[in-house]
């Protein structure tokens, strides 16, 4: 009977100690989880900004925009001549 009481007291003490250790570890990980959420939000915002910049680059890279910029810079547009294809026969 005394052995059972000692066993119960030992098991309950161990469970209390392990619970306190688990609580301490959880307290240490909460700030890390908050930092991780903040970093994830920051990454998402950077991805959205990157997509906006890519769209802006694509929009500014159209032929019409390039021609407008060339006119603003007084660049001369050289029209291309039609290319004549010559077929060489190997007879």
PDB file of N, CA and C in Angstrom:
ATOM      1  N   UNK A   1       0.818  -1.191   0.000  1.00  0.00           N
ATOM      2  CA  UNK A   1       0.000   0.000   0.000  1.00  0.00           C
ATOM      3  C   UNK A   1       0.863   1.256   0.000  1.00  0.00           C
ATOM      4  N   UNK A   2       1.894   1.251   0.824  1.00  0.00           N
ATOM      5  CA  UNK A   2       2.797   2.403   0.875  1.00  0.00           C
ATOM      6  C   UNK A   2       3.544   2.525  -0.453  1.00  0.00           C
ATOM      7  N   UNK A   3       3.872   1.391  -1.063  1.00  0.00           N
ATOM      8  CA  UNK A   3       4.576   1.403  -2.345  1.00  0.00           C
ATOM      9  C   UNK A   3       3.689   2.015  -3.430  1.00  0.00           C
ATOM     10  N   UNK A   4       2.390   1.719  -3.389  1.00  0.00           N
ATOM     11  CA  UNK A   4       1.469   2.290  -4.377  1.00  0.00           C
ATOM     12  C   UNK A   4       1.363   3.798  -4.209  1.00  0.00           C
ATOM     13  N   UNK A   5       1.329   4.263  -2.951  1.00  0.00           N
ATOM     14  CA  UNK A   5       1.251   5.703  -2.715  1.00  0.00           C
ATOM     15  C   UNK A   5       2.502   6.394  -3.227  1.00  0.00           C
ATOM     16  N   UNK A   6       3.669   5.770  -2.972  1.00  0.00           N
ATOM     17  CA  UNK A   6       4.924   6.353  -3.462  1.00  0.00           C
ATOM     18  C   UNK A   6       4.930   6.388  -4.992  1.00  0.00           C
ATOM     19  N   UNK A   7       4.417   5.322  -5.596  1.00  0.00           N
ATOM     20  CA  UNK A   7       4.352   5.267  -7.059  1.00  0.00           C
ATOM     21  C   UNK A   7       3.431   6.360  -7.603  1.00  0.00           C
ATOM     22  N   UNK A   8       2.260   6.533  -7.002  1.00  0.00           N
ATOM     23  CA  UNK A   8       1.325   7.575  -7.441  1.00  0.00           C
ATOM     24  C   UNK A   8       1.913   8.969  -7.241  1.00  0.00           C
ATOM     25  N   UNK A   9       2.568   9.175  -6.109  1.00  0.00           N
ATOM     26  CA  UNK A   9       3.186  10.480  -5.845  1.00  0.00           C
ATOM     27  C   UNK A   9       4.307  10.743  -6.842  1.00  0.00           C
ATOM     28  N   UNK A  10       5.110   9.724  -7.122  1.00  0.00           N
ATOM     29  CA  UNK A  10       6.205   9.869  -8.087  1.00  0.00           C
ATOM     30  C   UNK A  10       5.654  10.163  -9.479  1.00  0.00           C
ATOM     31  N   UNK A  11       4.641   9.426  -9.898  1.00  0.00           N
ATOM     32  CA  UNK A  11       4.059   9.649 -11.227  1.00  0.00           C
ATOM     33  C   UNK A  11       3.417  11.024 -11.330  1.00  0.00           C
ATOM     34  N   UNK A  12       2.722  11.432 -10.289  1.00  0.00           N
ATOM     35  CA  UNK A  12       2.092  12.754 -10.347  1.00  0.00           C
ATOM     36  C   UNK A  12       3.143  13.863 -10.330  1.00  0.00           C
ATOM     37  N   UNK A  13       4.214  13.687  -9.568  1.00  0.00           N
ATOM     38  CA  UNK A  13       5.290  14.680  -9.549  1.00  0.00           C
ATOM     39  C   UNK A  13       5.967  14.761 -10.914  1.00  0.00           C
ATOM     40  N   UNK A  14       6.204  13.598 -11.518  1.00  0.00           N
ATOM     41  CA  UNK A  14       6.816  13.587 -12.859  1.00  0.00           C
ATOM     42  C   UNK A  14       5.906  14.259 -13.876  1.00  0.00           C
ATOM     43  N   UNK A  15       4.614  13.994 -13.801  1.00  0.00           N
ATOM     44  CA  UNK A  15       3.699  14.610 -14.763  1.00  0.00           C
ATOM     45  C   UNK A  15       3.627  16.121 -14.562  1.00  0.00           C
ATOM     46  N   UNK A  16       3.687  16.584 -13.306  1.00  0.00           N
ATOM     47  CA  UNK A  16       3.684  18.026 -13.045  1.00  0.00           C
ATOM     48  C   UNK A  16       4.963  18.657 -13.576  1.00  0.00           C
ATOM     49  N   UNK A  17       6.093  18.017 -13.335  1.00  0.00           N
ATOM     50  CA  UNK A  17       7.377  18.547 -13.819  1.00  0.00           C
ATOM     51  C   UNK A  17       7.394  18.589 -15.342  1.00  0.00           C
ATOM     52  N   UNK A  18       6.940  17.518 -15.980  1.00  0.00           N
ATOM     53  CA  UNK A  18       6.905  17.495 -17.447  1.00  0.00           C
ATOM     54  C   UNK A  18       5.937  18.540 -17.997  1.00  0.00           C
ATOM     55  N   UNK A  19       4.836  18.762 -17.315  1.00  0.00           N
ATOM     56  CA  UNK A  19       3.884  19.793 -17.748  1.00  0.00           C
ATOM     57  C   UNK A  19       4.504  21.183 -17.656  1.00  0.00           C
ATOM     58  N   UNK A  20       5.245  21.426 -16.581  1.00  0.00           N
ATOM     59  CA  UNK A  20       5.913  22.729 -16.428  1.00  0.00           C
ATOM     60  C   UNK A  20       6.969  22.915 -17.506  1.00  0.00           C
ATOM     61  N   UNK A  21       7.725  21.863 -17.815  1.00  0.00           N
ATOM     62  CA  UNK A  21       8.738  21.949 -18.880  1.00  0.00           C
ATOM     63  C   UNK A  21       8.067  22.219 -20.224  1.00  0.00           C
ATOM     64  N   UNK A  22       6.959  21.527 -20.503  1.00  0.00           N
ATOM     65  CA  UNK A  22       6.242  21.749 -21.768  1.00  0.00           C
ATOM     66  C   UNK A  22       5.707  23.170 -21.846  1.00  0.00           C
ATOM     67  N   UNK A  23       5.210  23.679 -20.736  1.00  0.00           N
ATOM     68  CA  UNK A  23       4.710  25.053 -20.702  1.00  0.00           C
ATOM     69  C   UNK A  23       5.837  26.049 -20.965  1.00  0.00           C
ATOM     70  N   UNK A  24       6.999  25.801 -20.375  1.00  0.00           N
ATOM     71  CA  UNK A  24       8.148  26.686 -20.594  1.00  0.00           C
ATOM     72  C   UNK A  24       8.573  26.671 -22.059  1.00  0.00           C
ATOM     73  N   UNK A  25       8.575  25.499 -22.675  1.00  0.00           N
ATOM     74  CA  UNK A  25       8.940  25.413 -24.095  1.00  0.00           C
ATOM     75  C   UNK A  25       7.912  26.122 -24.971  1.00  0.00           C
ATOM     76  N   UNK A  26       6.639  25.997 -24.632  1.00  0.00           N
ATOM     77  CA  UNK A  26       5.599  26.693 -25.395  1.00  0.00           C
ATOM     78  C   UNK A  26       5.741  28.200 -25.270  1.00  0.00           C
ATOM     79  N   UNK A  27       6.089  28.668 -24.078  1.00  0.00           N
ATOM     80  CA  UNK A  27       6.267  30.105 -23.877  1.00  0.00           C
ATOM     81  C   UNK A  27       7.422  30.617 -24.727  1.00  0.00           C
ATOM     82  N   UNK A  28       8.467  29.796 -24.885  1.00  0.00           N
ATOM     83  CA  UNK A  28       9.610  30.218 -25.699  1.00  0.00           C
ATOM     84  C   UNK A  28       9.279  30.216 -27.188  1.00  0.00           C
ATOM     85  N   UNK A  29       8.364  29.344 -27.619  1.00  0.00           N
ATOM     86  CA  UNK A  29       8.073  29.248 -29.051  1.00  0.00           C
ATOM     87  C   UNK A  29       7.029  30.245 -29.531  1.00  0.00           C
ATOM     88  N   UNK A  30       6.249  30.833 -28.637  1.00  0.00           N
ATOM     89  CA  UNK A  30       5.206  31.782 -29.052  1.00  0.00           C
ATOM     90  C   UNK A  30       5.791  32.987 -29.787  1.00  0.00           C
ATOM     91  N   UNK A  31       6.868  33.631 -29.291  1.00  0.00           N
ATOM     92  CA  UNK A  31       7.433  34.754 -30.053  1.00  0.00           C
ATOM     93  C   UNK A  31       7.962  34.328 -31.421  1.00  0.00           C
ATOM     94  N   UNK A  32       8.494  33.110 -31.502  1.00  0.00           N
ATOM     95  CA  UNK A  32       8.987  32.626 -32.791  1.00  0.00           C
ATOM     96  C   UNK A  32       7.845  32.444 -33.782  1.00  0.00           C
ATOM     97  N   UNK A  33       6.722  31.962 -33.306  1.00  0.00           N
ATOM     98  CA  UNK A  33       5.558  31.783 -34.179  1.00  0.00           C
ATOM     99  C   UNK A  33       5.051  33.134 -34.660  1.00  0.00           C
ATOM    100  N   UNK A  34       5.033  34.123 -33.763  1.00  0.00           N
ATOM    101  CA  UNK A  34       4.597  35.466 -34.163  1.00  0.00           C
ATOM    102  C   UNK A  34       5.546  36.052 -35.199  1.00  0.00           C
ATOM    103  N   UNK A  35       6.856  35.864 -35.002  1.00  0.00           N
ATOM    104  CA  UNK A  35       7.827  36.360 -35.986  1.00  0.00           C
ATOM    105  C   UNK A  35       7.640  35.660 -37.327  1.00  0.00           C
ATOM    106  N   UNK A  36       7.362  34.365 -37.276  1.00  0.00           N
ATOM    107  CA  UNK A  36       7.150  33.616 -38.511  1.00  0.00           C
ATOM    108  C   UNK A  36       5.927  34.139 -39.257  1.00  0.00           C
ATOM    109  N   UNK A  37       4.847  34.450 -38.551  1.00  0.00           N
ATOM    110  CA  UNK A  37       3.654  35.005 -39.200  1.00  0.00           C
ATOM    111  C   UNK A  37       3.963  36.369 -39.809  1.00  0.00           C
ATOM    112  N   UNK A  38       4.747  37.188 -39.102  1.00  0.00           N
ATOM    113  CA  UNK A  38       5.102  38.506 -39.637  1.00  0.00           C
ATOM    114  C   UNK A  38       5.956  38.362 -40.888  1.00  0.00           C
ATOM    115  N   UNK A  39       6.889  37.428 -40.869  1.00  0.00           N
ATOM    116  CA  UNK A  39       7.748  37.207 -42.035  1.00  0.00           C
ATOM    117  C   UNK A  39       6.922  36.681 -43.202  1.00  0.00           C
ATOM    118  N   UNK A  40       5.967  35.805 -42.930  1.00  0.00           N
ATOM    119  CA  UNK A  40       5.105  35.280 -43.990  1.00  0.00           C
ATOM    120  C   UNK A  40       4.278  36.394 -44.623  1.00  0.00           C
ATOM    121  N   UNK A  41       3.745  37.304 -43.798  1.00  0.00           N
ATOM    122  CA  UNK A  41       3.001  38.445 -44.339  1.00  0.00           C
ATOM    123  C   UNK A  41       3.905  39.325 -45.188  1.00  0.00           C
ATOM    124  N   UNK A  42       5.132  39.546 -44.717  1.00  0.00           N
ATOM    125  CA  UNK A  42       6.080  40.373 -45.459  1.00  0.00           C
ATOM    126  C   UNK A  42       6.415  39.734 -46.804  1.00  0.00           C
ATOM    127  N   UNK A  43       6.608  38.430 -46.815  1.00  0.00           N
ATOM    128  CA  UNK A  43       6.895  37.718 -48.066  1.00  0.00           C
ATOM    129  C   UNK A  43       5.713  37.843 -49.023  1.00  0.00           C
ATOM    130  N   UNK A  44       4.502  37.711 -48.517  1.00  0.00           N
ATOM    131  CA  UNK A  44       3.306  37.836 -49.361  1.00  0.00           C
ATOM    132  C   UNK A  44       3.210  39.228 -49.968  1.00  0.00           C
ATOM    133  N   UNK A  45       3.492  40.257 -49.156  1.00  0.00           N
ATOM    134  CA  UNK A  45       3.447  41.625 -49.673  1.00  0.00           C
ATOM    135  C   UNK A  45       4.520  41.835 -50.736  1.00  0.00           C
ATOM    136  N   UNK A  46       5.712  41.265 -50.523  1.00  0.00           N
ATOM    137  CA  UNK A  46       6.776  41.394 -51.515  1.00  0.00           C
ATOM    138  C   UNK A  46       6.422  40.671 -52.812  1.00  0.00           C
ATOM    139  N   UNK A  47       5.757  39.519 -52.707  1.00  0.00           N
ATOM    140  CA  UNK A  47       5.329  38.805 -53.914  1.00  0.00           C
ATOM    141  C   UNK A  47       4.312  39.626 -54.702  1.00  0.00           C
ATOM    142  N   UNK A  48       3.365  40.237 -53.995  1.00  0.00           N
ATOM    143  CA  UNK A  48       2.368  41.076 -54.669  1.00  0.00           C
ATOM    144  C   UNK A  48       3.032  42.275 -55.333  1.00  0.00           C
ATOM    145  N   UNK A  49       3.976  42.893 -54.640  1.00  0.00           N
ATOM    146  CA  UNK A  49       4.688  44.042 -55.211  1.00  0.00           C
ATOM    147  C   UNK A  49       5.499  43.605 -56.432  1.00  0.00           C
ATOM    148  N   UNK A  50       6.092  42.417 -56.357  1.00  0.00           N
ATOM    149  CA  UNK A  50       6.853  41.890 -57.483  1.00  0.00           C
ATOM    150  C   UNK A  50       5.942  41.668 -58.688  1.00  0.00           C
ATOM    151  N   UNK A  51       4.743  41.141 -58.465  1.00  0.00           N
ATOM    152  CA  UNK A  51       3.802  40.938 -59.567  1.00  0.00           C
ATOM    153  C   UNK A  51       3.379  42.267 -60.183  1.00  0.00           C
ATOM    154  N   UNK A  52       3.173  43.286 -59.347  1.00  0.00           N
ATOM    155  CA  UNK A  52       2.818  44.603 -59.866  1.00  0.00           C
ATOM    156  C   UNK A  52       3.947  45.169 -60.723  1.00  0.00           C
ATOM    157  N   UNK A  53       5.183  44.996 -60.267  1.00  0.00           N
ATOM    158  CA  UNK A  53       6.321  45.492 -61.042  1.00  0.00           C
ATOM    159  C   UNK A  53       6.467  44.737 -62.356  1.00  0.00           C
ATOM    160  N   UNK A  54       6.258  43.427 -62.331  1.00  0.00           N
ATOM    161  CA  UNK A  54       6.334  42.658 -63.574  1.00  0.00           C
ATOM    162  C   UNK A  54       5.254  43.105 -64.554  1.00  0.00           C
ATOM    163  N   UNK A  55       4.051  43.368 -64.060  1.00  0.00           N
ATOM    164  CA  UNK A  55       2.979  43.857 -64.921  1.00  0.00           C
ATOM    165  C   UNK A  55       3.351  45.218 -65.499  1.00  0.00           C
ATOM    166  N   UNK A  56       3.925  46.081 -64.666  1.00  0.00           N
ATOM    167  CA  UNK A  56       4.327  47.412 -65.128  1.00  0.00           C
ATOM    168  C   UNK A  56       5.403  47.296 -66.210  1.00  0.00           C
ATOM    169  N   UNK A  57       6.360  46.394 -66.021  1.00  0.00           N
ATOM    170  CA  UNK A  57       7.415  46.200 -67.024  1.00  0.00           C
ATOM    171  C   UNK A  57       6.815  45.679 -68.321  1.00  0.00           C
ATOM    172  N   UNK A  58       5.904  44.712 -68.225  1.00  0.00           N
ATOM    173  CA  UNK A  58       5.273  44.177 -69.431  1.00  0.00           C
ATOM    174  C   UNK A  58       4.464  45.252 -70.144  1.00  0.00           C
ATOM    175  N   UNK A  59       3.786  46.095 -69.369  1.00  0.00           N
ATOM    176  CA  UNK A  59       2.965  47.152 -69.961  1.00  0.00           C
ATOM    177  C   UNK A  59       3.844  48.192 -70.650  1.00  0.00           C
ATOM    178  N   UNK A  60       4.989  48.495 -70.061  1.00  0.00           N
ATOM    179  CA  UNK A  60       5.882  49.493 -70.642  1.00  0.00           C
ATOM    180  C   UNK A  60       6.707  48.931 -71.796  1.00  0.00           C
ATOM    181  N   UNK A  61       6.712  47.628 -71.985  1.00  0.00           N
ATOM    182  CA  UNK A  61       7.527  47.017 -73.027  1.00  0.00           C
ATOM    183  C   UNK A  61       6.761  46.775 -74.319  1.00  0.00           C
ATOM    184  N   UNK A  62       5.569  47.312 -74.465  1.00  0.00           N
ATOM    185  CA  UNK A  62       4.825  47.112 -75.698  1.00  0.00           C
ATOM    186  C   UNK A  62       5.438  47.965 -76.807  1.00  0.00           C
ATOM    187  N   UNK A  63       5.177  47.582 -78.044  1.00  0.00           N
ATOM    188  CA  UNK A  63       5.749  48.285 -79.194  1.00  0.00           C
ATOM    189  C   UNK A  63       5.281  49.735 -79.229  1.00  0.00           C
ATOM    190  N   UNK A  64       4.030  49.967 -78.881  1.00  0.00           N
ATOM    191  CA  UNK A  64       3.493  51.331 -78.894  1.00  0.00           C
ATOM    192  C   UNK A  64       4.256  52.214 -77.911  1.00  0.00           C
ATOM    193  N   UNK A  65       4.493  51.714 -76.705  1.00  0.00           N
ATOM    194  CA  UNK A  65       5.222  52.488 -75.696  1.00  0.00           C
ATOM    195  C   UNK A  65       6.664  52.743 -76.134  1.00  0.00           C
ATOM    196  N   UNK A  66       7.274  51.739 -76.743  1.00  0.00           N
ATOM    197  CA  UNK A  66       8.655  51.907 -77.207  1.00  0.00           C
ATOM    198  C   UNK A  66       8.716  52.970 -78.298  1.00  0.00           C
ATOM    199  N   UNK A  67       7.748  52.956 -79.216  1.00  0.00           N
ATOM    200  CA  UNK A  67       7.728  53.967 -80.276  1.00  0.00           C
ATOM    201  C   UNK A  67       7.502  55.361 -79.697  1.00  0.00           C
ATOM    202  N   UNK A  68       6.620  55.481 -78.686  1.00  0.00           N
ATOM    203  CA  UNK A  68       6.392  56.786 -78.052  1.00  0.00           C
ATOM    204  C   UNK A  68       7.662  57.303 -77.380  1.00  0.00           C
ATOM    205  N   UNK A  69       8.367  56.439 -76.699  1.00  0.00           N
ATOM    206  CA  UNK A  69       9.612  56.852 -76.042  1.00  0.00           C
ATOM    207  C   UNK A  69      10.662  57.247 -77.074  1.00  0.00           C
ATOM    208  N   UNK A  70      10.696  56.521 -78.185  1.00  0.00           N
ATOM    209  CA  UNK A  70      11.657  56.852 -79.234  1.00  0.00           C
ATOM    210  C   UNK A  70      11.351  58.227 -79.821  1.00  0.00           C
ATOM    211  N   UNK A  71      10.073  58.549 -80.005  1.00  0.00           N
ATOM    212  CA  UNK A  71       9.706  59.873 -80.515  1.00  0.00           C
ATOM    213  C   UNK A  71      10.069  60.961 -79.519  1.00  0.00           C
ATOM    214  N   UNK A  72       9.863  60.704 -78.221  1.00  0.00           N
ATOM    215  CA  UNK A  72      10.218  61.691 -77.202  1.00  0.00           C
ATOM    216  C   UNK A  72      11.721  61.958 -77.178  1.00  0.00           C
ATOM    217  N   UNK A  73      12.504  60.929 -77.454  1.00  0.00           N
ATOM    218  CA  UNK A  73      13.963  61.077 -77.446  1.00  0.00           C
ATOM    219  C   UNK A  73      14.512  61.488 -78.809  1.00  0.00           C
ATOM    220  N   UNK A  74      13.619  61.825 -79.753  1.00  0.00           N
ATOM    221  CA  UNK A  74      13.988  62.234 -81.117  1.00  0.00           C
ATOM    222  C   UNK A  74      14.847  61.184 -81.819  1.00  0.00           C
ATOM    223  N   UNK A  75      14.498  59.959 -81.616  1.00  0.00           N
ATOM    224  CA  UNK A  75      15.212  58.880 -82.291  1.00  0.00           C
ATOM    225  C   UNK A  75      14.583  58.683 -83.666  1.00  0.00           C
ATOM    226  N   UNK A  76      15.399  58.328 -84.628  1.00  0.00           N
ATOM    227  CA  UNK A  76      14.933  58.148 -85.997  1.00  0.00           C
ATOM    228  C   UNK A  76      14.494  56.700 -86.167  1.00  0.00           C
ATOM    229  N   UNK A  77      13.299  56.549 -86.701  1.00  0.00           N
ATOM    230  CA  UNK A  77      12.774  55.212 -86.952  1.00  0.00           C
ATOM    231  C   UNK A  77      13.174  54.809 -88.358  1.00  0.00           C
ATOM    232  N   UNK A  78      13.928  53.734 -88.456  1.00  0.00           N
ATOM    233  CA  UNK A  78      14.351  53.253 -89.763  1.00  0.00           C
ATOM    234  C   UNK A  78      13.419  52.134 -90.202  1.00  0.00           C
ATOM    235  N   UNK A  79      12.662  52.384 -91.257  1.00  0.00           N
ATOM    236  CA  UNK A  79      11.761  51.325 -91.719  1.00  0.00           C
ATOM    237  C   UNK A  79      12.563  50.168 -92.311  1.00  0.00           C
ATOM    238  N   UNK A  80      12.065  48.995 -92.114  1.00  0.00           N
ATOM    239  CA  UNK A  80      12.761  47.824 -92.647  1.00  0.00           C
ATOM    240  C   UNK A  80      12.326  47.589 -94.082  1.00  0.00           C
ATOM    241  N   UNK A  81      13.257  47.135 -94.868  1.00  0.00           N
ATOM    242  CA  UNK A  81      12.963  46.816 -96.264  1.00  0.00           C
ATOM    243  C   UNK A  81      12.528  45.359 -96.338  1.00  0.00           C
ATOM    244  N   UNK A  82      11.690  45.057 -97.315  1.00  0.00           N
ATOM    245  CA  UNK A  82      11.300  43.656 -97.448  1.00  0.00           C
ATOM    246  C   UNK A  82      12.520  42.792 -97.784  1.00  0.00           C
ATOM    247  N   UNK A  83      12.560  41.646 -97.195  1.00  0.00           N
ATOM    248  CA  UNK A  83      13.695  40.748 -97.401  1.00  0.00           C
ATOM    249  C   UNK A  83      13.399  39.859 -98.597  1.00  0.00           C
ATOM    250  N   UNK A  84      14.391  39.763 -99.463  1.00  0.00           N
ATOM    251  CA  UNK A  84      14.260  38.879-100.616  1.00  0.00           C
ATOM    252  C   UNK A  84      14.936  37.561-100.276  1.00  0.00           C
ATOM    253  N   UNK A  85      14.188  36.497-100.418  1.00  0.00           N
ATOM    254  CA  UNK A  85      14.729  35.176-100.142  1.00  0.00           C
ATOM    255  C   UNK A  85      15.261  34.586-101.438  1.00  0.00           C
ATOM    256  N   UNK A  86      16.465  34.127-101.368  1.00  0.00           N
ATOM    257  CA  UNK A  86      17.086  33.506-102.538  1.00  0.00           C
ATOM    258  C   UNK A  86      17.192  32.014-102.260  1.00  0.00           C
ATOM    259  N   UNK A  87      16.663  31.246-103.192  1.00  0.00           N
ATOM    260  CA  UNK A  87      16.722  29.795-103.039  1.00  0.00           C
ATOM    261  C   UNK A  87      17.868  29.291-103.896  1.00  0.00           C
ATOM    262  N   UNK A  88      18.796  28.650-103.262  1.00  0.00           N
ATOM    263  CA  UNK A  88      19.954  28.100-103.980  1.00  0.00           C
ATOM    264  C   UNK A  88      19.680  26.620-104.195  1.00  0.00           C
ATOM    265  N   UNK A  89      19.659  26.267-105.465  1.00  0.00           N
ATOM    266  CA  UNK A  89      19.428  24.850-105.764  1.00  0.00           C
ATOM    267  C   UNK A  89      20.778  24.161-105.899  1.00  0.00           C
ATOM    268  N   UNK A  90      20.847  22.993-105.396  1.00  0.00           N
ATOM    269  CA  UNK A  90      22.122  22.252-105.441  1.00  0.00           C
ATOM    270  C   UNK A  90      22.042  21.146-106.489  1.00  0.00           C
ATOM    271  N   UNK A  91      21.823  21.549-107.764  1.00  0.00           N
ATOM    272  CA  UNK A  91      21.735  20.575-108.865  1.00  0.00           C
ATOM    273  C   UNK A  91      23.073  20.325-109.461  1.00  0.00           C
TER     274      UNK A  91
END
